[in-house]
Amino acid sequence: MLDISEVGTFADYFVICSGESQRQINAIIREVDKVLGQAGVDIHHREGKAETGWVLLDYTDVIVQVFDLGAREYYGLEQLWSKAKPVIRIQ
């Protein structure tokens, strides 16, 4: 999770994660939707599909990006947003 509030104006946080298969990516997406929905947080926009290796879930202040391993490496968002403050990193 990156705090992008000081380097971007469109959101406060990026959550960047990856799954090793389409099934894992879909499971991550379902769980994020479920937990945030239970907390009363509605999704603003969704883009991409697990089949393409990338899904974006926009909750306005928090943007969740779920990649397959190849797409995550290719897009390199951690490097692109290297000036953002890391909040937590789980490997």
PDB file of N, CA and C in Angstrom:
ATOM      1  N   MET A   1       0.857  -1.163   0.000  1.00  0.00           N
ATOM      2  CA  MET A   1       0.000   0.000   0.000  1.00  0.00           C
ATOM      3  C   MET A   1       0.903   1.225   0.000  1.00  0.00           C
ATOM      4  N   LEU A   2       0.589   2.140  -0.895  1.00  0.00           N
ATOM      5  CA  LEU A   2       1.336   3.386  -1.007  1.00  0.00           C
ATOM      6  C   LEU A   2       0.435   4.565  -0.676  1.00  0.00           C
ATOM      7  N   ASP A   3       0.949   5.490   0.099  1.00  0.00           N
ATOM      8  CA  ASP A   3       0.256   6.750   0.360  1.00  0.00           C
ATOM      9  C   ASP A   3       0.660   7.700  -0.762  1.00  0.00           C
ATOM     10  N   ILE A   4      -0.260   7.958  -1.675  1.00  0.00           N
ATOM     11  CA  ILE A   4       0.051   8.814  -2.821  1.00  0.00           C
ATOM     12  C   ILE A   4      -0.529  10.224  -2.657  1.00  0.00           C
ATOM     13  N   SER A   5      -1.039  10.530  -1.485  1.00  0.00           N
ATOM     14  CA  SER A   5      -1.739  11.800  -1.271  1.00  0.00           C
ATOM     15  C   SER A   5      -0.869  13.026  -1.525  1.00  0.00           C
ATOM     16  N   GLU A   6       0.435  12.891  -1.346  1.00  0.00           N
ATOM     17  CA  GLU A   6       1.319  14.047  -1.553  1.00  0.00           C
ATOM     18  C   GLU A   6       1.907  14.100  -2.957  1.00  0.00           C
ATOM     19  N   VAL A   7       1.706  13.055  -3.755  1.00  0.00           N
ATOM     20  CA  VAL A   7       2.269  13.037  -5.110  1.00  0.00           C
ATOM     21  C   VAL A   7       1.206  12.884  -6.191  1.00  0.00           C
ATOM     22  N   GLY A   8      -0.044  12.714  -5.798  1.00  0.00           N
ATOM     23  CA  GLY A   8      -1.148  12.592  -6.749  1.00  0.00           C
ATOM     24  C   GLY A   8      -2.382  13.273  -6.195  1.00  0.00           C
ATOM     25  N   THR A   9      -3.277  13.651  -7.087  1.00  0.00           N
ATOM     26  CA  THR A   9      -4.481  14.370  -6.647  1.00  0.00           C
ATOM     27  C   THR A   9      -5.765  13.561  -6.815  1.00  0.00           C
ATOM     28  N   PHE A  10      -5.676  12.378  -7.392  1.00  0.00           N
ATOM     29  CA  PHE A  10      -6.875  11.615  -7.726  1.00  0.00           C
ATOM     30  C   PHE A  10      -7.240  10.565  -6.675  1.00  0.00           C
ATOM     31  N   ALA A  11      -6.354  10.286  -5.732  1.00  0.00           N
ATOM     32  CA  ALA A  11      -6.623   9.302  -4.676  1.00  0.00           C
ATOM     33  C   ALA A  11      -5.624   9.532  -3.551  1.00  0.00           C
ATOM     34  N   ASP A  12      -5.867   8.875  -2.433  1.00  0.00           N
ATOM     35  CA  ASP A  12      -4.943   8.963  -1.304  1.00  0.00           C
ATOM     36  C   ASP A  12      -4.028   7.745  -1.214  1.00  0.00           C
ATOM     37  N   TYR A  13      -4.562   6.582  -1.608  1.00  0.00           N
ATOM     38  CA  TYR A  13      -3.794   5.348  -1.460  1.00  0.00           C
ATOM     39  C   TYR A  13      -3.912   4.462  -2.690  1.00  0.00           C
ATOM     40  N   PHE A  14      -2.816   3.765  -2.990  1.00  0.00           N
ATOM     41  CA  PHE A  14      -2.784   2.682  -3.961  1.00  0.00           C
ATOM     42  C   PHE A  14      -2.551   1.390  -3.181  1.00  0.00           C
ATOM     43  N   VAL A  15      -3.361   0.412  -3.438  1.00  0.00           N
ATOM     44  CA  VAL A  15      -3.080  -0.939  -2.968  1.00  0.00           C
ATOM     45  C   VAL A  15      -2.693  -1.716  -4.212  1.00  0.00           C
ATOM     46  N   ILE A  16      -1.493  -2.253  -4.218  1.00  0.00           N
ATOM     47  CA  ILE A  16      -0.981  -2.979  -5.375  1.00  0.00           C
ATOM     48  C   ILE A  16      -0.735  -4.422  -4.935  1.00  0.00           C
ATOM     49  N   CYS A  17      -1.378  -5.353  -5.618  1.00  0.00           N
ATOM     50  CA  CYS A  17      -1.183  -6.753  -5.252  1.00  0.00           C
ATOM     51  C   CYS A  17      -1.224  -7.616  -6.500  1.00  0.00           C
ATOM     52  N   SER A  18      -0.842  -8.866  -6.322  1.00  0.00           N
ATOM     53  CA  SER A  18      -0.829  -9.761  -7.471  1.00  0.00           C
ATOM     54  C   SER A  18      -1.324 -11.145  -7.074  1.00  0.00           C
ATOM     55  N   GLY A  19      -1.839 -11.831  -8.077  1.00  0.00           N
ATOM     56  CA  GLY A  19      -2.259 -13.208  -7.940  1.00  0.00           C
ATOM     57  C   GLY A  19      -1.519 -14.051  -8.950  1.00  0.00           C
ATOM     58  N   GLU A  20      -1.388 -15.328  -8.645  1.00  0.00           N
ATOM     59  CA  GLU A  20      -0.634 -16.209  -9.521  1.00  0.00           C
ATOM     60  C   GLU A  20      -1.481 -16.854 -10.606  1.00  0.00           C
ATOM     61  N   SER A  21      -2.793 -16.626 -10.559  1.00  0.00           N
ATOM     62  CA  SER A  21      -3.678 -17.201 -11.572  1.00  0.00           C
ATOM     63  C   SER A  21      -4.926 -16.318 -11.672  1.00  0.00           C
ATOM     64  N   GLN A  22      -5.705 -16.541 -12.737  1.00  0.00           N
ATOM     65  CA  GLN A  22      -6.966 -15.803 -12.875  1.00  0.00           C
ATOM     66  C   GLN A  22      -7.882 -16.096 -11.694  1.00  0.00           C
ATOM     67  N   ARG A  23      -7.875 -17.322 -11.233  1.00  0.00           N
ATOM     68  CA  ARG A  23      -8.705 -17.711 -10.090  1.00  0.00           C
ATOM     69  C   ARG A  23      -8.308 -16.916  -8.842  1.00  0.00           C
ATOM     70  N   GLN A  24      -7.009 -16.790  -8.592  1.00  0.00           N
ATOM     71  CA  GLN A  24      -6.553 -16.006  -7.435  1.00  0.00           C
ATOM     72  C   GLN A  24      -6.914 -14.539  -7.585  1.00  0.00           C
ATOM     73  N   ILE A  25      -6.722 -13.993  -8.775  1.00  0.00           N
ATOM     74  CA  ILE A  25      -7.063 -12.592  -9.010  1.00  0.00           C
ATOM     75  C   ILE A  25      -8.546 -12.370  -8.748  1.00  0.00           C
ATOM     76  N   ASN A  26      -9.393 -13.242  -9.269  1.00  0.00           N
ATOM     77  CA  ASN A  26     -10.830 -13.113  -9.035  1.00  0.00           C
ATOM     78  C   ASN A  26     -11.183 -13.259  -7.559  1.00  0.00           C
ATOM     79  N   ALA A  27     -10.490 -14.154  -6.849  1.00  0.00           N
ATOM     80  CA  ALA A  27     -10.744 -14.321  -5.413  1.00  0.00           C
ATOM     81  C   ALA A  27     -10.359 -13.060  -4.645  1.00  0.00           C
ATOM     82  N   ILE A  28      -9.245 -12.444  -5.010  1.00  0.00           N
ATOM     83  CA  ILE A  28      -8.817 -11.196  -4.361  1.00  0.00           C
ATOM     84  C   ILE A  28      -9.867 -10.111  -4.588  1.00  0.00           C
ATOM     85  N   ILE A  29     -10.322  -9.991  -5.820  1.00  0.00           N
ATOM     86  CA  ILE A  29     -11.315  -8.973  -6.172  1.00  0.00           C
ATOM     87  C   ILE A  29     -12.615  -9.194  -5.395  1.00  0.00           C
ATOM     88  N   ARG A  30     -13.073 -10.437  -5.358  1.00  0.00           N
ATOM     89  CA  ARG A  30     -14.312 -10.729  -4.617  1.00  0.00           C
ATOM     90  C   ARG A  30     -14.181 -10.385  -3.135  1.00  0.00           C
ATOM     91  N   GLU A  31     -13.043 -10.718  -2.549  1.00  0.00           N
ATOM     92  CA  GLU A  31     -12.854 -10.459  -1.116  1.00  0.00           C
ATOM     93  C   GLU A  31     -12.764  -8.962  -0.826  1.00  0.00           C
ATOM     94  N   VAL A  32     -12.062  -8.223  -1.660  1.00  0.00           N
ATOM     95  CA  VAL A  32     -11.987  -6.767  -1.490  1.00  0.00           C
ATOM     96  C   VAL A  32     -13.382  -6.166  -1.598  1.00  0.00           C
ATOM     97  N   ASP A  33     -14.130  -6.557  -2.639  1.00  0.00           N
ATOM     98  CA  ASP A  33     -15.509  -6.076  -2.804  1.00  0.00           C
ATOM     99  C   ASP A  33     -16.369  -6.418  -1.583  1.00  0.00           C
ATOM    100  N   LYS A  34     -16.247  -7.649  -1.121  1.00  0.00           N
ATOM    101  CA  LYS A  34     -17.053  -8.113   0.018  1.00  0.00           C
ATOM    102  C   LYS A  34     -16.739  -7.321   1.286  1.00  0.00           C
ATOM    103  N   VAL A  35     -15.469  -7.227   1.630  1.00  0.00           N
ATOM    104  CA  VAL A  35     -15.074  -6.566   2.882  1.00  0.00           C
ATOM    105  C   VAL A  35     -15.400  -5.075   2.839  1.00  0.00           C
ATOM    106  N   LEU A  36     -15.080  -4.426   1.742  1.00  0.00           N
ATOM    107  CA  LEU A  36     -15.378  -2.994   1.662  1.00  0.00           C
ATOM    108  C   LEU A  36     -16.881  -2.738   1.574  1.00  0.00           C
ATOM    109  N   GLY A  37     -17.599  -3.617   0.891  1.00  0.00           N
ATOM    110  CA  GLY A  37     -19.059  -3.496   0.834  1.00  0.00           C
ATOM    111  C   GLY A  37     -19.677  -3.619   2.215  1.00  0.00           C
ATOM    112  N   GLN A  38     -19.182  -4.578   3.015  1.00  0.00           N
ATOM    113  CA  GLN A  38     -19.668  -4.738   4.382  1.00  0.00           C
ATOM    114  C   GLN A  38     -19.358  -3.514   5.239  1.00  0.00           C
ATOM    115  N   ALA A  39     -18.289  -2.808   4.899  1.00  0.00           N
ATOM    116  CA  ALA A  39     -17.913  -1.598   5.632  1.00  0.00           C
ATOM    117  C   ALA A  39     -18.647  -0.371   5.100  1.00  0.00           C
ATOM    118  N   GLY A  40     -19.508  -0.566   4.087  1.00  0.00           N
ATOM    119  CA  GLY A  40     -20.276   0.542   3.534  1.00  0.00           C
ATOM    120  C   GLY A  40     -19.542   1.367   2.504  1.00  0.00           C
ATOM    121  N   VAL A  41     -18.448   0.824   1.975  1.00  0.00           N
ATOM    122  CA  VAL A  41     -17.671   1.527   0.958  1.00  0.00           C
ATOM    123  C   VAL A  41     -18.088   1.004  -0.414  1.00  0.00           C
ATOM    124  N   ASP A  42     -18.609   1.885  -1.243  1.00  0.00           N
ATOM    125  CA  ASP A  42     -19.060   1.507  -2.575  1.00  0.00           C
ATOM    126  C   ASP A  42     -17.977   1.747  -3.612  1.00  0.00           C
ATOM    127  N   ILE A  43     -17.932   0.872  -4.597  1.00  0.00           N
ATOM    128  CA  ILE A  43     -16.964   1.023  -5.682  1.00  0.00           C
ATOM    129  C   ILE A  43     -17.424   2.150  -6.609  1.00  0.00           C
ATOM    130  N   HIS A  44     -16.475   2.964  -7.022  1.00  0.00           N
ATOM    131  CA  HIS A  44     -16.749   4.068  -7.939  1.00  0.00           C
ATOM    132  C   HIS A  44     -16.584   3.622  -9.393  1.00  0.00           C
ATOM    133  N   HIS A  45     -15.552   2.818  -9.644  1.00  0.00           N
ATOM    134  CA  HIS A  45     -15.245   2.404 -11.019  1.00  0.00           C
ATOM    135  C   HIS A  45     -14.447   1.106 -10.984  1.00  0.00           C
ATOM    136  N   ARG A  46     -14.677   0.279 -11.972  1.00  0.00           N
ATOM    137  CA  ARG A  46     -13.912  -0.958 -12.130  1.00  0.00           C
ATOM    138  C   ARG A  46     -13.445  -1.040 -13.569  1.00  0.00           C
ATOM    139  N   GLU A  47     -12.218  -1.489 -13.746  1.00  0.00           N
ATOM    140  CA  GLU A  47     -11.655  -1.582 -15.087  1.00  0.00           C
ATOM    141  C   GLU A  47     -10.783  -2.827 -15.192  1.00  0.00           C
ATOM    142  N   GLY A  48     -10.753  -3.441 -16.352  1.00  0.00           N
ATOM    143  CA  GLY A  48      -9.917  -4.609 -16.597  1.00  0.00           C
ATOM    144  C   GLY A  48     -10.598  -5.900 -16.212  1.00  0.00           C
ATOM    145  N   LYS A  49      -9.929  -7.005 -16.549  1.00  0.00           N
ATOM    146  CA  LYS A  49     -10.428  -8.339 -16.251  1.00  0.00           C
ATOM    147  C   LYS A  49      -9.256  -9.221 -15.848  1.00  0.00           C
ATOM    148  N   ALA A  50      -9.538 -10.214 -15.030  1.00  0.00           N
ATOM    149  CA  ALA A  50      -8.479 -11.136 -14.602  1.00  0.00           C
ATOM    150  C   ALA A  50      -7.801 -11.781 -15.811  1.00  0.00           C
ATOM    151  N   GLU A  51      -8.576 -12.032 -16.866  1.00  0.00           N
ATOM    152  CA  GLU A  51      -8.023 -12.672 -18.064  1.00  0.00           C
ATOM    153  C   GLU A  51      -6.939 -11.831 -18.729  1.00  0.00           C
ATOM    154  N   THR A  52      -6.989 -10.521 -18.528  1.00  0.00           N
ATOM    155  CA  THR A  52      -5.992  -9.640 -19.137  1.00  0.00           C
ATOM    156  C   THR A  52      -4.779  -9.440 -18.241  1.00  0.00           C
ATOM    157  N   GLY A  53      -4.858  -9.932 -16.996  1.00  0.00           N
ATOM    158  CA  GLY A  53      -3.732  -9.802 -16.074  1.00  0.00           C
ATOM    159  C   GLY A  53      -3.763  -8.547 -15.231  1.00  0.00           C
ATOM    160  N   TRP A  54      -4.851  -7.784 -15.291  1.00  0.00           N
ATOM    161  CA  TRP A  54      -4.911  -6.543 -14.530  1.00  0.00           C
ATOM    162  C   TRP A  54      -6.355  -6.133 -14.274  1.00  0.00           C
ATOM    163  N   VAL A  55      -6.648  -5.801 -13.026  1.00  0.00           N
ATOM    164  CA  VAL A  55      -7.955  -5.284 -12.647  1.00  0.00           C
ATOM    165  C   VAL A  55      -7.746  -4.100 -11.712  1.00  0.00           C
ATOM    166  N   LEU A  56      -8.469  -3.022 -11.971  1.00  0.00           N
ATOM    167  CA  LEU A  56      -8.423  -1.826 -11.134  1.00  0.00           C
ATOM    168  C   LEU A  56      -9.784  -1.665 -10.465  1.00  0.00           C
ATOM    169  N   LEU A  57      -9.760  -1.477  -9.159  1.00  0.00           N
ATOM    170  CA  LEU A  57     -10.967  -1.204  -8.382  1.00  0.00           C
ATOM    171  C   LEU A  57     -10.796   0.177  -7.761  1.00  0.00           C
ATOM    172  N   ASP A  58     -11.617   1.111  -8.167  1.00  0.00           N
ATOM    173  CA  ASP A  58     -11.505   2.498  -7.717  1.00  0.00           C
ATOM    174  C   ASP A  58     -12.568   2.778  -6.662  1.00  0.00           C
ATOM    175  N   TYR A  59     -12.110   2.983  -5.439  1.00  0.00           N
ATOM    176  CA  TYR A  59     -13.004   3.314  -4.329  1.00  0.00           C
ATOM    177  C   TYR A  59     -12.848   4.789  -3.957  1.00  0.00           C
ATOM    178  N   THR A  60     -12.529   5.617  -4.901  1.00  0.00           N
ATOM    179  CA  THR A  60     -12.333   7.055  -4.811  1.00  0.00           C
ATOM    180  C   THR A  60     -11.040   7.403  -4.088  1.00  0.00           C
ATOM    181  N   ASP A  61     -10.983   7.261  -2.772  1.00  0.00           N
ATOM    182  CA  ASP A  61      -9.755   7.600  -2.038  1.00  0.00           C
ATOM    183  C   ASP A  61      -8.718   6.485  -2.069  1.00  0.00           C
ATOM    184  N   VAL A  62      -9.180   5.278  -2.333  1.00  0.00           N
ATOM    185  CA  VAL A  62      -8.301   4.116  -2.381  1.00  0.00           C
ATOM    186  C   VAL A  62      -8.493   3.415  -3.727  1.00  0.00           C
ATOM    187  N   ILE A  63      -7.394   3.166  -4.406  1.00  0.00           N
ATOM    188  CA  ILE A  63      -7.426   2.447  -5.678  1.00  0.00           C
ATOM    189  C   ILE A  63      -6.680   1.136  -5.486  1.00  0.00           C
ATOM    190  N   VAL A  64      -7.376   0.044  -5.759  1.00  0.00           N
ATOM    191  CA  VAL A  64      -6.800  -1.296  -5.638  1.00  0.00           C
ATOM    192  C   VAL A  64      -6.475  -1.783  -7.047  1.00  0.00           C
ATOM    193  N   GLN A  65      -5.229  -2.195  -7.238  1.00  0.00           N
ATOM    194  CA  GLN A  65      -4.819  -2.743  -8.524  1.00  0.00           C
ATOM    195  C   GLN A  65      -4.322  -4.156  -8.305  1.00  0.00           C
ATOM    196  N   VAL A  66      -4.942  -5.091  -9.005  1.00  0.00           N
ATOM    197  CA  VAL A  66      -4.602  -6.504  -8.878  1.00  0.00           C
ATOM    198  C   VAL A  66      -4.024  -6.960 -10.217  1.00  0.00           C
ATOM    199  N   PHE A  67      -2.812  -7.483 -10.174  1.00  0.00           N
ATOM    200  CA  PHE A  67      -2.098  -7.901 -11.380  1.00  0.00           C
ATOM    201  C   PHE A  67      -1.795  -9.389 -11.346  1.00  0.00           C
ATOM    202  N   ASP A  68      -1.556  -9.966 -12.538  1.00  0.00           N
ATOM    203  CA  ASP A  68      -0.852 -11.236 -12.545  1.00  0.00           C
ATOM    204  C   ASP A  68       0.630 -10.882 -12.433  1.00  0.00           C
ATOM    205  N   LEU A  69       1.476 -11.854 -12.184  1.00  0.00           N
ATOM    206  CA  LEU A  69       2.880 -11.556 -11.890  1.00  0.00           C
ATOM    207  C   LEU A  69       3.587 -10.855 -13.047  1.00  0.00           C
ATOM    208  N   GLY A  70       3.312 -11.272 -14.278  1.00  0.00           N
ATOM    209  CA  GLY A  70       3.954 -10.652 -15.434  1.00  0.00           C
ATOM    210  C   GLY A  70       3.541  -9.208 -15.634  1.00  0.00           C
ATOM    211  N   ALA A  71       2.255  -8.936 -15.497  1.00  0.00           N
ATOM    212  CA  ALA A  71       1.760  -7.566 -15.673  1.00  0.00           C
ATOM    213  C   ALA A  71       2.282  -6.651 -14.567  1.00  0.00           C
ATOM    214  N   ARG A  72       2.358  -7.169 -13.351  1.00  0.00           N
ATOM    215  CA  ARG A  72       2.864  -6.336 -12.255  1.00  0.00           C
ATOM    216  C   ARG A  72       4.310  -5.919 -12.512  1.00  0.00           C
ATOM    217  N   GLU A  73       5.104  -6.861 -12.961  1.00  0.00           N
ATOM    218  CA  GLU A  73       6.498  -6.547 -13.279  1.00  0.00           C
ATOM    219  C   GLU A  73       6.580  -5.583 -14.463  1.00  0.00           C
ATOM    220  N   TYR A  74       5.771  -5.808 -15.496  1.00  0.00           N
ATOM    221  CA  TYR A  74       5.789  -4.973 -16.696  1.00  0.00           C
ATOM    222  C   TYR A  74       5.428  -3.519 -16.377  1.00  0.00           C
ATOM    223  N   TYR A  75       4.356  -3.310 -15.621  1.00  0.00           N
ATOM    224  CA  TYR A  75       3.905  -1.943 -15.340  1.00  0.00           C
ATOM    225  C   TYR A  75       4.730  -1.265 -14.250  1.00  0.00           C
ATOM    226  N   GLY A  76       5.300  -2.004 -13.340  1.00  0.00           N
ATOM    227  CA  GLY A  76       6.219  -1.460 -12.344  1.00  0.00           C
ATOM    228  C   GLY A  76       5.682  -0.256 -11.577  1.00  0.00           C
ATOM    229  N   LEU A  77       4.468  -0.351 -11.074  1.00  0.00           N
ATOM    230  CA  LEU A  77       3.867   0.799 -10.383  1.00  0.00           C
ATOM    231  C   LEU A  77       4.649   1.228  -9.144  1.00  0.00           C
ATOM    232  N   GLU A  78       5.269   0.272  -8.468  1.00  0.00           N
ATOM    233  CA  GLU A  78       6.067   0.649  -7.292  1.00  0.00           C
ATOM    234  C   GLU A  78       7.208   1.580  -7.690  1.00  0.00           C
ATOM    235  N   GLN A  79       7.806   1.334  -8.843  1.00  0.00           N
ATOM    236  CA  GLN A  79       8.880   2.206  -9.318  1.00  0.00           C
ATOM    237  C   GLN A  79       8.313   3.516  -9.852  1.00  0.00           C
ATOM    238  N   LEU A  80       7.206   3.430 -10.584  1.00  0.00           N
ATOM    239  CA  LEU A  80       6.574   4.626 -11.138  1.00  0.00           C
ATOM    240  C   LEU A  80       6.165   5.595 -10.031  1.00  0.00           C
ATOM    241  N   TRP A  81       5.676   5.062  -8.923  1.00  0.00           N
ATOM    242  CA  TRP A  81       5.237   5.879  -7.785  1.00  0.00           C
ATOM    243  C   TRP A  81       6.255   5.824  -6.651  1.00  0.00           C
ATOM    244  N   SER A  82       7.524   5.798  -6.990  1.00  0.00           N
ATOM    245  CA  SER A  82       8.580   5.648  -5.982  1.00  0.00           C
ATOM    246  C   SER A  82       8.648   6.820  -4.999  1.00  0.00           C
ATOM    247  N   LYS A  83       8.077   7.966  -5.352  1.00  0.00           N
ATOM    248  CA  LYS A  83       8.065   9.103  -4.429  1.00  0.00           C
ATOM    249  C   LYS A  83       6.919   9.018  -3.421  1.00  0.00           C
ATOM    250  N   ALA A  84       6.027   8.058  -3.618  1.00  0.00           N
ATOM    251  CA  ALA A  84       4.930   7.850  -2.673  1.00  0.00           C
ATOM    252  C   ALA A  84       5.476   7.171  -1.417  1.00  0.00           C
ATOM    253  N   LYS A  85       4.822   7.427  -0.313  1.00  0.00           N
ATOM    254  CA  LYS A  85       5.256   6.870   0.965  1.00  0.00           C
ATOM    255  C   LYS A  85       4.661   5.468   1.157  1.00  0.00           C
ATOM    256  N   PRO A  86       5.517   4.455   1.305  1.00  0.00           N
ATOM    257  CA  PRO A  86       4.995   3.105   1.572  1.00  0.00           C
ATOM    258  C   PRO A  86       4.325   3.067   2.947  1.00  0.00           C
ATOM    259  N   VAL A  87       3.129   2.499   3.002  1.00  0.00           N
ATOM    260  CA  VAL A  87       2.413   2.368   4.275  1.00  0.00           C
ATOM    261  C   VAL A  87       2.644   0.973   4.841  1.00  0.00           C
ATOM    262  N   ILE A  88       2.490  -0.025   3.985  1.00  0.00           N
ATOM    263  CA  ILE A  88       2.731  -1.414   4.392  1.00  0.00           C
ATOM    264  C   ILE A  88       3.117  -2.213   3.165  1.00  0.00           C
ATOM    265  N   ARG A  89       3.981  -3.193   3.375  1.00  0.00           N
ATOM    266  CA  ARG A  89       4.375  -4.092   2.288  1.00  0.00           C
ATOM    267  C   ARG A  89       4.377  -5.508   2.837  1.00  0.00           C
ATOM    268  N   ILE A  90       3.613  -6.374   2.201  1.00  0.00           N
ATOM    269  CA  ILE A  90       3.533  -7.775   2.593  1.00  0.00           C
ATOM    270  C   ILE A  90       3.978  -8.615   1.407  1.00  0.00           C
ATOM    271  N   GLN A  91       4.896  -9.531   1.661  1.00  0.00           N
ATOM    272  CA  GLN A  91       5.356 -10.388   0.563  1.00  0.00           C
ATOM    273  C   GLN A  91       5.009 -11.809   0.833  1.00  0.00           C
TER     274      GLN A  91
END
